[in-house]
């Protein structure tokens, strides 16, 4: 049983290869986690906005939003693209389109499919100083193709 669990954990760890970046991790493995790209076009910056909805069916509960800075992620102001540079290689994650005029002006991000999000459920040992407990964690990775 221990060998099977070890093999399973190694397989899950292999998913987090050199072409993936850990974005967010939580012990609430039932939470609905939705990452999306956001930009500041004036400064040429890009980041990930992670919405964590652990409310379930509770209508009075609000979801949390977390900003995550990813090393190598930037907004290219000339090409109007979100780019991720890893190991000397640049991937275009999203194209940015601005349409309309005045108050009808809107900016939309269209993901290219080169950067995808992968959810993995991991089992970790947590030492609280008195006991060692096994807990499930939900981890989101940003993977490049």
C-alpha atoms as a PDB file:
ATOM      1  CA  UNK A   1       0.000   0.000   0.000  1.00  0.00           C
ATOM      2  CA  UNK A   2       2.834   2.404   0.838  1.00  0.00           C
ATOM      3  CA  UNK A   3       4.534   1.641  -2.475  1.00  0.00           C
ATOM      4  CA  UNK A   4       1.312   2.296  -4.347  1.00  0.00           C
ATOM      5  CA  UNK A   5       0.833   5.616  -2.557  1.00  0.00           C
ATOM      6  CA  UNK A   6       4.475   6.559  -3.200  1.00  0.00           C
ATOM      7  CA  UNK A   7       4.120   5.755  -6.892  1.00  0.00           C
ATOM      8  CA  UNK A   8       0.925   7.820  -7.045  1.00  0.00           C
ATOM      9  CA  UNK A   9       2.627  10.811  -5.414  1.00  0.00           C
ATOM     10  CA  UNK A  10       5.593  10.547  -7.785  1.00  0.00           C
ATOM     11  CA  UNK A  11       3.218  10.481 -10.734  1.00  0.00           C
ATOM     12  CA  UNK A  12       1.468  13.612  -9.461  1.00  0.00           C
ATOM     13  CA  UNK A  13       4.815  15.295  -8.906  1.00  0.00           C
ATOM     14  CA  UNK A  14       5.825  14.465 -12.468  1.00  0.00           C
ATOM     15  CA  UNK A  15       2.890  16.583 -13.622  1.00  0.00           C
ATOM     16  CA  UNK A  16       4.685  19.558 -12.107  1.00  0.00           C
ATOM     17  CA  UNK A  17       7.520  19.414 -14.610  1.00  0.00           C
ATOM     18  CA  UNK A  18      10.021  22.064 -15.648  1.00  0.00           C
ATOM     19  CA  UNK A  19       7.379  23.667 -17.888  1.00  0.00           C
ATOM     20  CA  UNK A  20       4.961  24.343 -15.063  1.00  0.00           C
ATOM     21  CA  UNK A  21       4.717  26.948 -12.342  1.00  0.00           C
ATOM     22  CA  UNK A  22       2.873  26.467  -9.053  1.00  0.00           C
ATOM     23  CA  UNK A  23       0.207  29.170  -8.855  1.00  0.00           C
ATOM     24  CA  UNK A  24      -1.922  28.477  -5.804  1.00  0.00           C
ATOM     25  CA  UNK A  25      -2.374  25.795  -3.162  1.00  0.00           C
ATOM     26  CA  UNK A  26      -5.082  25.339  -0.535  1.00  0.00           C
ATOM     27  CA  UNK A  27      -6.099  22.616   1.910  1.00  0.00           C
ATOM     28  CA  UNK A  28      -9.736  23.125   0.833  1.00  0.00           C
ATOM     29  CA  UNK A  29      -9.714  20.517  -1.929  1.00  0.00           C
ATOM     30  CA  UNK A  30     -13.441  21.046  -2.641  1.00  0.00           C
ATOM     31  CA  UNK A  31     -13.081  24.763  -3.426  1.00  0.00           C
ATOM     32  CA  UNK A  32     -13.758  25.979  -6.942  1.00  0.00           C
ATOM     33  CA  UNK A  33     -10.566  27.705  -8.109  1.00  0.00           C
ATOM     34  CA  UNK A  34     -10.671  29.839 -11.254  1.00  0.00           C
ATOM     35  CA  UNK A  35      -7.443  31.519 -12.419  1.00  0.00           C
ATOM     36  CA  UNK A  36      -7.458  34.210 -15.118  1.00  0.00           C
ATOM     37  CA  UNK A  37      -4.951  36.629 -16.624  1.00  0.00           C
ATOM     38  CA  UNK A  38      -5.084  40.340 -15.803  1.00  0.00           C
ATOM     39  CA  UNK A  39      -2.996  43.237 -17.137  1.00  0.00           C
ATOM     40  CA  UNK A  40      -1.923  46.808 -16.519  1.00  0.00           C
ATOM     41  CA  UNK A  41      -1.304  47.988 -20.090  1.00  0.00           C
ATOM     42  CA  UNK A  42       0.222  51.310 -19.023  1.00  0.00           C
ATOM     43  CA  UNK A  43       2.988  49.632 -17.002  1.00  0.00           C
ATOM     44  CA  UNK A  44       3.404  46.514 -19.191  1.00  0.00           C
ATOM     45  CA  UNK A  45       2.554  44.168 -16.340  1.00  0.00           C
ATOM     46  CA  UNK A  46       0.558  40.948 -16.216  1.00  0.00           C
ATOM     47  CA  UNK A  47      -0.451  38.693 -13.341  1.00  0.00           C
ATOM     48  CA  UNK A  48      -2.955  36.006 -12.444  1.00  0.00           C
ATOM     49  CA  UNK A  49      -6.155  36.720 -10.561  1.00  0.00           C
ATOM     50  CA  UNK A  50      -7.229  33.547  -8.733  1.00  0.00           C
ATOM     51  CA  UNK A  51     -10.852  33.349  -7.588  1.00  0.00           C
ATOM     52  CA  UNK A  52     -11.342  30.873  -4.748  1.00  0.00           C
ATOM     53  CA  UNK A  53     -14.972  29.919  -4.150  1.00  0.00           C
ATOM     54  CA  UNK A  54     -15.246  27.697  -1.078  1.00  0.00           C
ATOM     55  CA  UNK A  55     -18.848  28.657  -0.343  1.00  0.00           C
ATOM     56  CA  UNK A  56     -20.577  25.743  -2.009  1.00  0.00           C
ATOM     57  CA  UNK A  57     -24.328  26.425  -2.025  1.00  0.00           C
ATOM     58  CA  UNK A  58     -24.251  29.235   0.584  1.00  0.00           C
ATOM     59  CA  UNK A  59     -25.769  32.347  -1.058  1.00  0.00           C
ATOM     60  CA  UNK A  60     -24.490  34.695   1.671  1.00  0.00           C
ATOM     61  CA  UNK A  61     -20.840  33.729   1.212  1.00  0.00           C
ATOM     62  CA  UNK A  62     -18.455  35.675  -1.037  1.00  0.00           C
ATOM     63  CA  UNK A  63     -15.549  34.152  -2.913  1.00  0.00           C
ATOM     64  CA  UNK A  64     -11.984  35.335  -2.313  1.00  0.00           C
ATOM     65  CA  UNK A  65      -9.700  36.801  -4.963  1.00  0.00           C
ATOM     66  CA  UNK A  66      -5.940  36.466  -4.785  1.00  0.00           C
ATOM     67  CA  UNK A  67      -3.419  38.188  -7.058  1.00  0.00           C
ATOM     68  CA  UNK A  68      -0.474  35.997  -7.964  1.00  0.00           C
ATOM     69  CA  UNK A  69       2.709  37.363  -9.502  1.00  0.00           C
ATOM     70  CA  UNK A  70       4.304  34.813 -11.827  1.00  0.00           C
ATOM     71  CA  UNK A  71       8.012  35.142 -12.530  1.00  0.00           C
ATOM     72  CA  UNK A  72       8.535  35.785 -16.253  1.00  0.00           C
ATOM     73  CA  UNK A  73       4.927  36.803 -16.982  1.00  0.00           C
ATOM     74  CA  UNK A  74       4.599  40.217 -18.661  1.00  0.00           C
ATOM     75  CA  UNK A  75       2.424  42.245 -20.990  1.00  0.00           C
ATOM     76  CA  UNK A  76       4.105  43.112 -24.284  1.00  0.00           C
ATOM     77  CA  UNK A  77       2.773  46.595 -25.080  1.00  0.00           C
ATOM     78  CA  UNK A  78       3.975  46.574 -28.713  1.00  0.00           C
ATOM     79  CA  UNK A  79       2.431  43.230 -29.709  1.00  0.00           C
ATOM     80  CA  UNK A  80      -0.478  43.487 -27.225  1.00  0.00           C
ATOM     81  CA  UNK A  81       0.213  39.995 -25.835  1.00  0.00           C
ATOM     82  CA  UNK A  82       0.670  38.367 -22.457  1.00  0.00           C
ATOM     83  CA  UNK A  83       3.967  36.475 -22.584  1.00  0.00           C
ATOM     84  CA  UNK A  84       5.587  33.979 -20.231  1.00  0.00           C
ATOM     85  CA  UNK A  85       9.346  33.465 -20.436  1.00  0.00           C
ATOM     86  CA  UNK A  86      10.670  30.183 -18.996  1.00  0.00           C
ATOM     87  CA  UNK A  87      14.120  28.693 -19.465  1.00  0.00           C
ATOM     88  CA  UNK A  88      14.918  31.221 -22.218  1.00  0.00           C
ATOM     89  CA  UNK A  89      11.778  30.304 -24.181  1.00  0.00           C
ATOM     90  CA  UNK A  90       8.854  32.732 -24.615  1.00  0.00           C
ATOM     91  CA  UNK A  91       5.243  31.541 -24.788  1.00  0.00           C
ATOM     92  CA  UNK A  92       2.300  33.718 -25.807  1.00  0.00           C
ATOM     93  CA  UNK A  93      -0.434  33.055 -23.250  1.00  0.00           C
ATOM     94  CA  UNK A  94      -3.083  35.536 -24.425  1.00  0.00           C
ATOM     95  CA  UNK A  95      -3.812  38.196 -27.019  1.00  0.00           C
ATOM     96  CA  UNK A  96      -5.321  41.487 -25.916  1.00  0.00           C
ATOM     97  CA  UNK A  97      -8.043  43.139 -28.027  1.00  0.00           C
ATOM     98  CA  UNK A  98      -9.412  46.627 -27.415  1.00  0.00           C
ATOM     99  CA  UNK A  99     -12.586  47.642 -29.224  1.00  0.00           C
ATOM    100  CA  UNK A 100     -15.053  50.484 -29.172  1.00  0.00           C
ATOM    101  CA  UNK A 101     -14.776  54.157 -28.322  1.00  0.00           C
ATOM    102  CA  UNK A 102     -15.376  56.286 -25.278  1.00  0.00           C
ATOM    103  CA  UNK A 103     -17.555  54.676 -22.651  1.00  0.00           C
ATOM    104  CA  UNK A 104     -18.149  51.714 -24.983  1.00  0.00           C
ATOM    105  CA  UNK A 105     -14.430  50.860 -25.074  1.00  0.00           C
ATOM    106  CA  UNK A 106     -13.608  47.397 -23.740  1.00  0.00           C
ATOM    107  CA  UNK A 107     -10.481  45.290 -23.447  1.00  0.00           C
ATOM    108  CA  UNK A 108     -10.726  41.512 -23.793  1.00  0.00           C
ATOM    109  CA  UNK A 109      -8.146  38.801 -23.245  1.00  0.00           C
ATOM    110  CA  UNK A 110      -8.241  35.811 -25.593  1.00  0.00           C
ATOM    111  CA  UNK A 111      -6.167  32.872 -24.353  1.00  0.00           C
ATOM    112  CA  UNK A 112      -4.040  31.188 -27.034  1.00  0.00           C
ATOM    113  CA  UNK A 113      -3.900  27.702 -25.480  1.00  0.00           C
ATOM    114  CA  UNK A 114      -0.110  27.817 -25.052  1.00  0.00           C
ATOM    115  CA  UNK A 115      -0.530  28.323 -21.304  1.00  0.00           C
ATOM    116  CA  UNK A 116      -3.017  26.079 -19.524  1.00  0.00           C
ATOM    117  CA  UNK A 117      -4.067  25.597 -15.921  1.00  0.00           C
ATOM    118  CA  UNK A 118      -3.849  22.159 -14.319  1.00  0.00           C
ATOM    119  CA  UNK A 119      -5.436  21.167 -10.998  1.00  0.00           C
ATOM    120  CA  UNK A 120      -3.761  18.457  -8.900  1.00  0.00           C
ATOM    121  CA  UNK A 121      -4.930  16.948  -5.603  1.00  0.00           C
ATOM    122  CA  UNK A 122      -1.911  16.212  -3.410  1.00  0.00           C
ATOM    123  CA  UNK A 123      -1.704  14.393  -0.089  1.00  0.00           C
ATOM    124  CA  UNK A 124       0.794  15.942   2.337  1.00  0.00           C
ATOM    125  CA  UNK A 125       1.879  15.195   5.889  1.00  0.00           C
ATOM    126  CA  UNK A 126       1.334  18.192   8.183  1.00  0.00           C
ATOM    127  CA  UNK A 127       3.208  18.384  11.498  1.00  0.00           C
ATOM    128  CA  UNK A 128       1.467  20.690  13.996  1.00  0.00           C
ATOM    129  CA  UNK A 129       4.051  20.083  16.717  1.00  0.00           C
ATOM    130  CA  UNK A 130       2.003  17.378  18.423  1.00  0.00           C
ATOM    131  CA  UNK A 131       0.742  15.077  15.681  1.00  0.00           C
ATOM    132  CA  UNK A 132       1.449  14.354  12.049  1.00  0.00           C
ATOM    133  CA  UNK A 133      -1.740  14.466  10.014  1.00  0.00           C
ATOM    134  CA  UNK A 134      -2.330  13.607   6.389  1.00  0.00           C
ATOM    135  CA  UNK A 135      -4.222  16.326   4.515  1.00  0.00           C
ATOM    136  CA  UNK A 136      -5.399  16.763   0.968  1.00  0.00           C
ATOM    137  CA  UNK A 137      -4.291  19.893  -0.842  1.00  0.00           C
ATOM    138  CA  UNK A 138      -5.564  21.303  -4.111  1.00  0.00           C
ATOM    139  CA  UNK A 139      -2.787  22.849  -6.181  1.00  0.00           C
ATOM    140  CA  UNK A 140      -3.099  24.819  -9.416  1.00  0.00           C
ATOM    141  CA  UNK A 141      -0.224  24.871 -11.920  1.00  0.00           C
ATOM    142  CA  UNK A 142       0.334  27.076 -14.972  1.00  0.00           C
ATOM    143  CA  UNK A 143       1.745  24.835 -17.721  1.00  0.00           C
ATOM    144  CA  UNK A 144       3.256  25.824 -21.050  1.00  0.00           C
ATOM    145  CA  UNK A 145       3.145  23.866 -24.280  1.00  0.00           C
END
